[in-house]
Protein backbone atom coordinates (compact mmCIF):
# COMPACT_ATOMS: atom_id res chain seq x y z
CA GLN A 1 -29.85 -51.75 11.08
CA VAL A 2 -26.83 -49.63 11.95
CA GLN A 3 -27.55 -46.24 13.47
CA LEU A 4 -25.13 -43.36 14.04
CA GLU A 5 -26.02 -40.68 16.58
CA GLU A 6 -24.08 -37.40 16.52
CA SER A 7 -23.86 -34.69 19.16
CA GLY A 8 -21.66 -31.82 20.33
CA GLY A 9 -22.27 -29.10 17.77
CA GLY A 10 -23.02 -25.52 18.67
CA LEU A 11 -22.19 -21.84 18.26
CA VAL A 12 -18.68 -20.75 19.26
CA GLN A 13 -16.34 -17.83 18.67
CA PRO A 14 -13.11 -17.98 16.66
CA GLY A 15 -10.37 -19.70 18.65
CA ASP A 16 -12.80 -21.79 20.71
CA SER A 17 -13.03 -25.58 20.83
CA LEU A 18 -15.73 -28.21 20.42
CA ARG A 19 -15.82 -31.99 20.72
CA LEU A 20 -18.20 -33.93 18.49
CA SER A 21 -19.36 -37.43 19.40
CA CYS A 22 -20.67 -40.24 17.21
CA THR A 23 -22.16 -43.36 18.81
CA VAL A 24 -22.79 -46.47 16.72
CA SER A 25 -25.65 -48.82 17.60
CA GLY A 26 -27.43 -51.77 16.00
CA ARG A 27 -25.32 -54.23 14.06
CA THR A 28 -21.71 -54.59 15.14
CA PHE A 29 -18.72 -54.97 12.85
CA SER A 30 -15.20 -56.07 13.62
CA SER A 31 -13.43 -53.97 10.98
CA TYR A 32 -14.45 -50.53 9.82
CA TYR A 33 -13.47 -46.88 9.53
CA MET A 34 -15.28 -44.00 11.15
CA GLY A 35 -15.07 -40.87 9.03
CA TRP A 36 -15.96 -37.25 9.66
CA PHE A 37 -17.25 -34.97 6.91
CA ARG A 38 -18.61 -31.45 6.74
CA GLN A 39 -20.80 -29.48 4.38
CA ALA A 40 -21.33 -25.74 4.33
CA PRO A 41 -24.51 -24.26 2.79
CA GLY A 42 -24.31 -24.34 -0.99
CA LYS A 43 -20.99 -26.21 -0.90
CA GLU A 44 -19.92 -29.76 -1.59
CA ARG A 45 -19.44 -32.20 1.25
CA GLU A 46 -15.77 -32.60 2.13
CA PHE A 47 -13.72 -35.11 4.08
CA VAL A 48 -12.35 -33.95 7.45
CA ALA A 49 -10.79 -36.93 9.24
CA SER A 50 -11.11 -40.66 9.82
CA ILE A 51 -9.92 -43.38 12.17
CA THR A 52 -9.59 -47.15 11.95
CA TRP A 53 -11.66 -48.75 14.68
CA SER A 54 -9.37 -51.61 15.60
CA SER A 55 -6.00 -49.83 15.65
CA ALA A 56 -7.09 -46.17 16.06
CA ILE A 57 -4.95 -45.02 13.14
CA PRO A 58 -5.99 -41.44 12.29
CA TYR A 59 -6.03 -39.63 8.97
CA TYR A 60 -6.62 -35.89 8.52
CA GLN A 61 -7.44 -33.45 5.81
CA ASP A 62 -4.55 -30.99 5.46
CA SER A 63 -6.71 -28.01 6.35
CA VAL A 64 -7.46 -29.35 9.84
CA LYS A 65 -4.25 -31.21 10.67
CA GLY A 66 -2.75 -29.82 13.87
CA ARG A 67 -6.08 -28.39 15.01
CA PHE A 68 -8.43 -31.40 14.98
CA THR A 69 -7.93 -34.76 16.69
CA VAL A 70 -9.94 -37.89 15.95
CA SER A 71 -10.24 -40.68 18.54
CA ARG A 72 -12.51 -43.53 19.58
CA ASP A 73 -13.69 -45.39 22.70
CA ASN A 74 -14.24 -49.06 21.90
CA ALA A 75 -16.18 -49.81 25.09
CA ARG A 76 -18.68 -47.05 24.35
CA ASN A 77 -18.69 -47.69 20.59
CA THR A 78 -18.22 -43.96 20.20
CA GLY A 79 -15.94 -41.85 18.05
CA TYR A 80 -14.86 -38.29 18.80
CA LEU A 81 -13.68 -35.32 16.82
CA GLN A 82 -11.90 -32.76 19.00
CA MET A 83 -11.82 -29.41 17.20
CA ASN A 84 -9.48 -26.71 18.48
CA SER A 85 -8.68 -23.21 17.20
CA LEU A 86 -11.94 -23.10 15.29
CA GLN A 87 -12.24 -20.53 12.51
CA PRO A 88 -15.24 -19.14 10.61
CA GLU A 89 -14.35 -21.30 7.62
CA ASP A 90 -14.98 -24.37 9.81
CA THR A 91 -18.68 -23.48 9.93
CA ALA A 92 -20.66 -26.39 8.48
CA VAL A 93 -22.89 -29.32 9.24
CA TYR A 94 -20.61 -32.10 10.44
CA TYR A 95 -21.42 -35.74 9.70
CA CYS A 96 -19.95 -38.98 10.97
CA ALA A 97 -20.00 -42.06 8.77
CA LEU A 98 -18.98 -45.70 8.85
CA GLN A 99 -17.13 -47.54 6.09
CA LEU A 100 -16.75 -51.32 6.21
CA TYR A 101 -13.38 -52.75 5.24
CA GLY A 102 -13.48 -53.65 1.57
CA SER A 103 -16.31 -51.25 0.75
CA PRO A 104 -15.55 -48.56 -1.85
CA GLU A 105 -17.77 -46.00 -0.09
CA TYR A 106 -19.04 -45.07 3.35
CA ASP A 107 -22.00 -47.32 4.13
CA TYR A 108 -23.80 -45.59 7.01
CA TRP A 109 -24.26 -41.92 7.89
CA GLY A 110 -25.38 -39.89 10.85
CA GLN A 111 -27.89 -37.05 10.62
CA GLY A 112 -25.33 -34.29 11.14
CA THR A 113 -24.69 -31.66 13.78
CA GLN A 114 -24.34 -27.92 13.15
CA VAL A 115 -21.08 -26.16 14.00
CA THR A 116 -21.11 -22.37 13.70
CA VAL A 117 -18.00 -20.27 14.31
CA SER A 118 -18.78 -16.57 14.43
CA SER A 119 -17.71 -13.46 16.31
């Protein structure tokens, strides 16, 4: 089975930065997207960013564009979400997920990592 392991969350102050990591293990796939989502308490889960694994083509939600950068390391089978200029409204549990090409939905999900931005 495919497993996604997330790390890098924590408590930071407004204006600080964090880098989240997501390592994929188990079955391997040649073509897929890695997506990043977040969910605040009592709120709906929302899309943050994604990247194609083969070509590293990024896509960002408008609210984070210019502040967040998504990347991947093929050799380590790991994706990254670099988050700069963090604001209190970025506080949420952040999830990575994997979507196979041709699938209408994300197929595999990590357990999530907490990001808290507070002064």
